C-alpha cells in the first residue's frame, strides 16, 4: 500500500512539473515575438529571426559569424527578408585550404 502511494505521489509531482514546463514554453519559446536574437541551424548554416527594431545588417552578420565560429567556419548571409516574423538566412562555409 505504501509503495503504490509513493509511486502515485511521484508521478503526480512529475506531471505537474512537466505541465508547468509546457505552459512556460508557450510564453517564452523562440519566434518573432521573442526579444532576443538567436541563431538556429547546424554546421552548414541556419536562420536568425528578423526584428524590425534592428536596422543594421551588420548585427545579423556578426551573429552568423559567431554561430559558424563554433565549427571553425566562415559565414555568409544569404537572404534578408525585412518583414516581421520572417528570418535572415545564412550559411557556414569552409575556410580556404581547409580539408575535411
N, C-alpha and C. Protein backbone atom coordinates (compact mmCIF):
# COMPACT_ATOMS: atom_id res chain seq x y z
N UNK A 1 0.82 -1.19 0.00
CA UNK A 1 0.00 0.00 0.00
C UNK A 1 0.86 1.26 0.00
N UNK A 2 1.89 1.27 0.83
CA UNK A 2 2.77 2.43 0.92
C UNK A 2 3.53 2.64 -0.40
N UNK A 3 3.93 1.54 -1.01
CA UNK A 3 4.68 1.63 -2.27
C UNK A 3 3.82 2.26 -3.37
N UNK A 4 2.58 1.83 -3.52
CA UNK A 4 1.72 2.38 -4.56
C UNK A 4 1.38 3.85 -4.29
N UNK A 5 1.30 4.24 -3.02
CA UNK A 5 1.05 5.64 -2.68
C UNK A 5 2.26 6.50 -3.06
N UNK A 6 3.46 6.01 -2.76
CA UNK A 6 4.67 6.76 -3.11
C UNK A 6 4.82 6.90 -4.63
N UNK A 7 4.48 5.86 -5.37
CA UNK A 7 4.55 5.92 -6.83
C UNK A 7 3.55 6.93 -7.36
N UNK A 8 2.35 6.94 -6.80
CA UNK A 8 1.32 7.90 -7.24
C UNK A 8 1.75 9.33 -6.95
N UNK A 9 2.33 9.57 -5.80
CA UNK A 9 2.80 10.92 -5.45
C UNK A 9 3.93 11.35 -6.39
N UNK A 10 4.86 10.44 -6.68
CA UNK A 10 5.98 10.76 -7.57
C UNK A 10 5.48 11.07 -8.98
N UNK A 11 4.54 10.27 -9.48
CA UNK A 11 4.01 10.53 -10.81
C UNK A 11 3.24 11.84 -10.86
N UNK A 12 2.51 12.15 -9.82
CA UNK A 12 1.79 13.43 -9.76
C UNK A 12 2.74 14.61 -9.76
N UNK A 13 3.83 14.51 -9.02
CA UNK A 13 4.82 15.60 -8.98
C UNK A 13 5.49 15.76 -10.34
N UNK A 14 5.81 14.64 -10.99
CA UNK A 14 6.47 14.73 -12.29
C UNK A 14 5.54 15.33 -13.34
N UNK A 15 4.26 14.96 -13.30
CA UNK A 15 3.34 15.50 -14.30
C UNK A 15 3.08 16.98 -14.09
N UNK A 16 3.08 17.43 -12.85
CA UNK A 16 2.87 18.87 -12.60
C UNK A 16 4.07 19.68 -13.06
N UNK A 17 5.27 19.15 -12.86
CA UNK A 17 6.47 19.84 -13.34
C UNK A 17 6.47 19.88 -14.86
N UNK A 18 6.08 18.79 -15.51
CA UNK A 18 6.04 18.74 -16.97
C UNK A 18 5.00 19.72 -17.50
N UNK A 19 3.81 19.77 -16.89
CA UNK A 19 2.76 20.68 -17.35
C UNK A 19 3.19 22.13 -17.18
N UNK A 20 3.89 22.44 -16.11
CA UNK A 20 4.38 23.81 -15.92
C UNK A 20 5.42 24.18 -16.96
N UNK A 21 6.27 23.22 -17.32
CA UNK A 21 7.27 23.48 -18.35
C UNK A 21 6.65 23.70 -19.71
N UNK A 22 5.62 22.93 -20.03
CA UNK A 22 4.94 23.09 -21.32
C UNK A 22 4.22 24.44 -21.37
N UNK A 23 3.58 24.82 -20.29
CA UNK A 23 2.88 26.11 -20.25
C UNK A 23 3.87 27.27 -20.37
N UNK A 24 5.01 27.16 -19.73
CA UNK A 24 6.02 28.22 -19.80
C UNK A 24 6.68 28.30 -21.17
N UNK A 25 6.82 27.16 -21.85
CA UNK A 25 7.46 27.16 -23.16
C UNK A 25 6.63 27.91 -24.18
N UNK A 26 5.31 27.86 -24.05
CA UNK A 26 4.46 28.59 -24.99
C UNK A 26 4.61 30.09 -24.87
N UNK A 27 4.94 30.56 -23.69
CA UNK A 27 5.06 32.00 -23.48
C UNK A 27 6.46 32.52 -23.77
N UNK A 28 7.47 31.67 -23.68
CA UNK A 28 8.84 32.15 -23.83
C UNK A 28 9.60 31.47 -24.96
N UNK A 29 8.94 30.68 -25.76
CA UNK A 29 9.62 29.95 -26.82
C UNK A 29 10.14 30.85 -27.91
N UNK A 30 10.99 30.33 -28.80
CA UNK A 30 11.54 31.14 -29.88
C UNK A 30 10.48 31.52 -30.89
N UNK A 31 10.69 32.60 -31.54
CA UNK A 31 9.75 33.04 -32.57
C UNK A 31 9.85 34.54 -32.76
N UNK A 32 9.04 35.08 -33.64
CA UNK A 32 9.13 36.51 -33.93
C UNK A 32 8.73 37.37 -32.74
N UNK A 33 8.03 36.83 -31.77
CA UNK A 33 7.64 37.59 -30.60
C UNK A 33 8.78 37.68 -29.58
N UNK A 34 9.84 36.94 -29.78
CA UNK A 34 10.97 36.94 -28.85
C UNK A 34 11.75 38.24 -28.98
N UNK A 35 12.25 38.74 -27.88
CA UNK A 35 13.02 39.98 -27.89
C UNK A 35 14.51 39.73 -28.07
N UNK A 36 14.92 38.48 -28.14
CA UNK A 36 16.34 38.15 -28.23
C UNK A 36 16.64 37.55 -29.60
N UNK A 37 17.82 37.84 -30.10
CA UNK A 37 18.26 37.24 -31.36
C UNK A 37 18.93 35.91 -31.07
N UNK A 38 18.50 34.87 -31.74
CA UNK A 38 19.07 33.55 -31.62
C UNK A 38 19.31 33.01 -33.02
N UNK A 39 20.38 32.28 -33.18
CA UNK A 39 20.66 31.61 -34.45
C UNK A 39 20.27 30.14 -34.30
N UNK A 40 19.51 29.63 -35.26
CA UNK A 40 19.10 28.24 -35.28
C UNK A 40 19.71 27.59 -36.50
N UNK A 41 20.25 26.39 -36.35
CA UNK A 41 20.80 25.71 -37.51
C UNK A 41 21.76 24.61 -37.12
N UNK A 42 22.69 24.34 -38.03
CA UNK A 42 23.71 23.33 -37.80
C UNK A 42 25.02 23.81 -38.42
N UNK A 43 25.94 22.90 -38.70
CA UNK A 43 27.25 23.31 -39.19
C UNK A 43 27.24 23.78 -40.64
N UNK A 44 26.12 23.65 -41.35
CA UNK A 44 26.06 24.12 -42.73
C UNK A 44 25.37 25.47 -42.88
N UNK A 45 24.72 25.95 -41.81
CA UNK A 45 24.05 27.24 -41.87
C UNK A 45 22.83 27.26 -40.98
N UNK A 46 22.01 28.31 -41.15
CA UNK A 46 20.83 28.40 -40.31
C UNK A 46 20.04 29.68 -40.57
N UNK A 47 19.22 30.04 -39.59
CA UNK A 47 18.37 31.22 -39.69
C UNK A 47 18.43 32.01 -38.40
N UNK A 48 18.12 33.30 -38.52
CA UNK A 48 18.03 34.21 -37.38
C UNK A 48 16.71 34.95 -37.52
N UNK A 49 15.88 35.00 -36.48
CA UNK A 49 14.62 35.74 -36.59
C UNK A 49 14.88 37.22 -36.89
N UNK A 50 14.11 37.78 -37.81
CA UNK A 50 14.25 39.20 -38.15
C UNK A 50 13.46 40.04 -37.15
N UNK A 51 14.09 41.06 -36.63
CA UNK A 51 13.43 42.01 -35.74
C UNK A 51 13.44 43.38 -36.40
N UNK A 52 12.29 44.03 -36.56
CA UNK A 52 12.24 45.34 -37.22
C UNK A 52 13.02 46.43 -36.49
N UNK A 53 13.24 46.24 -35.19
CA UNK A 53 13.97 47.25 -34.42
C UNK A 53 15.44 47.33 -34.84
N UNK A 54 15.97 46.27 -35.41
CA UNK A 54 17.38 46.23 -35.79
C UNK A 54 17.49 46.58 -37.27
N UNK A 55 17.98 47.75 -37.55
CA UNK A 55 18.09 48.23 -38.94
C UNK A 55 19.43 47.86 -39.58
N UNK A 56 20.46 47.70 -38.76
CA UNK A 56 21.81 47.47 -39.27
C UNK A 56 22.04 45.99 -39.55
N UNK A 57 22.32 45.64 -40.79
CA UNK A 57 22.52 44.25 -41.19
C UNK A 57 23.81 43.67 -40.59
N UNK A 58 24.72 44.55 -40.17
CA UNK A 58 25.98 44.07 -39.60
C UNK A 58 25.77 43.28 -38.31
N UNK A 59 24.70 43.55 -37.59
CA UNK A 59 24.41 42.80 -36.38
C UNK A 59 24.07 41.35 -36.73
N UNK A 60 23.30 41.15 -37.79
CA UNK A 60 22.98 39.80 -38.22
C UNK A 60 24.22 39.09 -38.75
N UNK A 61 25.07 39.81 -39.45
CA UNK A 61 26.32 39.21 -39.96
C UNK A 61 27.21 38.77 -38.81
N UNK A 62 27.31 39.59 -37.76
CA UNK A 62 28.14 39.24 -36.62
C UNK A 62 27.58 38.04 -35.87
N UNK A 63 26.26 37.98 -35.74
CA UNK A 63 25.64 36.84 -35.07
C UNK A 63 25.87 35.55 -35.86
N UNK A 64 25.78 35.63 -37.18
CA UNK A 64 26.05 34.46 -38.02
C UNK A 64 27.52 34.05 -37.93
N UNK A 65 28.42 35.04 -37.89
CA UNK A 65 29.85 34.73 -37.77
C UNK A 65 30.15 34.05 -36.44
N UNK A 66 29.54 34.53 -35.36
CA UNK A 66 29.74 33.90 -34.06
C UNK A 66 29.20 32.48 -34.04
N UNK A 67 28.07 32.27 -34.70
CA UNK A 67 27.46 30.94 -34.73
C UNK A 67 28.34 29.96 -35.52
N UNK A 68 28.81 30.37 -36.69
CA UNK A 68 29.63 29.47 -37.53
C UNK A 68 31.03 29.25 -36.94
N UNK A 69 31.48 30.15 -36.10
CA UNK A 69 32.80 30.01 -35.49
C UNK A 69 32.86 28.79 -34.56
N UNK A 70 31.72 28.28 -34.14
CA UNK A 70 31.70 27.06 -33.31
C UNK A 70 32.34 25.89 -34.04
N UNK A 71 32.18 25.88 -35.36
CA UNK A 71 32.74 24.80 -36.18
C UNK A 71 33.97 25.27 -36.96
N UNK A 72 34.56 26.37 -36.53
CA UNK A 72 35.75 26.95 -37.20
C UNK A 72 35.48 27.17 -38.68
N UNK A 73 34.33 27.78 -38.97
CA UNK A 73 33.94 28.07 -40.35
C UNK A 73 33.62 29.55 -40.48
N UNK A 74 33.61 30.01 -41.71
CA UNK A 74 33.21 31.38 -42.02
C UNK A 74 31.72 31.42 -42.30
N UNK A 75 31.13 32.61 -42.26
CA UNK A 75 29.69 32.71 -42.51
C UNK A 75 29.42 33.62 -43.70
N UNK A 76 28.24 33.43 -44.27
CA UNK A 76 27.80 34.24 -45.39
C UNK A 76 26.28 34.40 -45.28
N UNK A 77 25.80 35.65 -45.15
CA UNK A 77 24.36 35.90 -45.09
C UNK A 77 23.81 35.75 -46.50
N UNK A 78 22.81 34.88 -46.66
CA UNK A 78 22.28 34.58 -47.99
C UNK A 78 20.98 35.30 -48.30
N UNK A 79 20.16 35.56 -47.27
CA UNK A 79 18.88 36.22 -47.54
C UNK A 79 18.44 37.04 -46.33
N UNK A 80 17.89 38.20 -46.64
CA UNK A 80 17.33 39.07 -45.61
C UNK A 80 15.93 39.47 -46.06
N UNK A 81 14.93 38.96 -45.37
CA UNK A 81 13.54 39.33 -45.65
C UNK A 81 13.12 40.31 -44.58
N UNK A 82 12.97 41.56 -44.94
CA UNK A 82 12.68 42.60 -43.95
C UNK A 82 11.19 42.68 -43.67
N UNK A 83 10.67 41.59 -43.12
CA UNK A 83 9.28 41.53 -42.69
C UNK A 83 9.24 40.93 -41.30
N UNK A 84 8.41 41.51 -40.44
CA UNK A 84 8.26 41.00 -39.09
C UNK A 84 7.78 39.55 -39.13
N UNK A 85 8.47 38.68 -38.41
CA UNK A 85 8.12 37.27 -38.38
C UNK A 85 8.88 36.44 -39.38
N UNK A 86 9.68 37.06 -40.24
CA UNK A 86 10.47 36.32 -41.21
C UNK A 86 11.88 36.12 -40.66
N UNK A 87 12.76 35.57 -41.47
CA UNK A 87 14.08 35.19 -40.99
C UNK A 87 15.19 35.71 -41.91
N UNK A 88 16.38 35.81 -41.33
CA UNK A 88 17.61 36.11 -42.06
C UNK A 88 18.34 34.78 -42.20
N UNK A 89 18.61 34.37 -43.43
CA UNK A 89 19.28 33.10 -43.68
C UNK A 89 20.78 33.28 -43.84
N UNK A 90 21.53 32.29 -43.39
CA UNK A 90 22.99 32.34 -43.56
C UNK A 90 23.51 30.92 -43.76
N UNK A 91 24.72 30.85 -44.32
CA UNK A 91 25.37 29.57 -44.50
C UNK A 91 26.76 29.62 -43.90
N UNK A 92 27.24 28.49 -43.44
CA UNK A 92 28.60 28.37 -42.91
C UNK A 92 29.46 27.73 -44.00
N UNK A 93 30.55 28.38 -44.33
CA UNK A 93 31.42 27.89 -45.40
C UNK A 93 32.80 27.59 -44.84
N UNK A 94 33.49 26.69 -45.52
CA UNK A 94 34.83 26.31 -45.09
C UNK A 94 35.82 27.44 -45.35
N UNK A 95 36.84 27.46 -44.53
CA UNK A 95 37.93 28.41 -44.75
C UNK A 95 38.75 27.94 -45.96
N UNK A 96 39.37 28.87 -46.66
CA UNK A 96 40.20 28.46 -47.80
C UNK A 96 41.33 27.52 -47.34
N UNK A 97 41.49 26.45 -48.07
CA UNK A 97 42.56 25.48 -47.75
C UNK A 97 42.16 24.46 -46.70
N UNK A 98 40.94 24.51 -46.20
CA UNK A 98 40.51 23.56 -45.18
C UNK A 98 40.06 22.26 -45.85
N UNK A 99 40.52 21.15 -45.32
CA UNK A 99 40.17 19.85 -45.86
C UNK A 99 39.41 19.08 -44.78
N UNK A 100 38.32 18.44 -45.17
CA UNK A 100 37.52 17.67 -44.20
C UNK A 100 38.14 16.35 -43.94
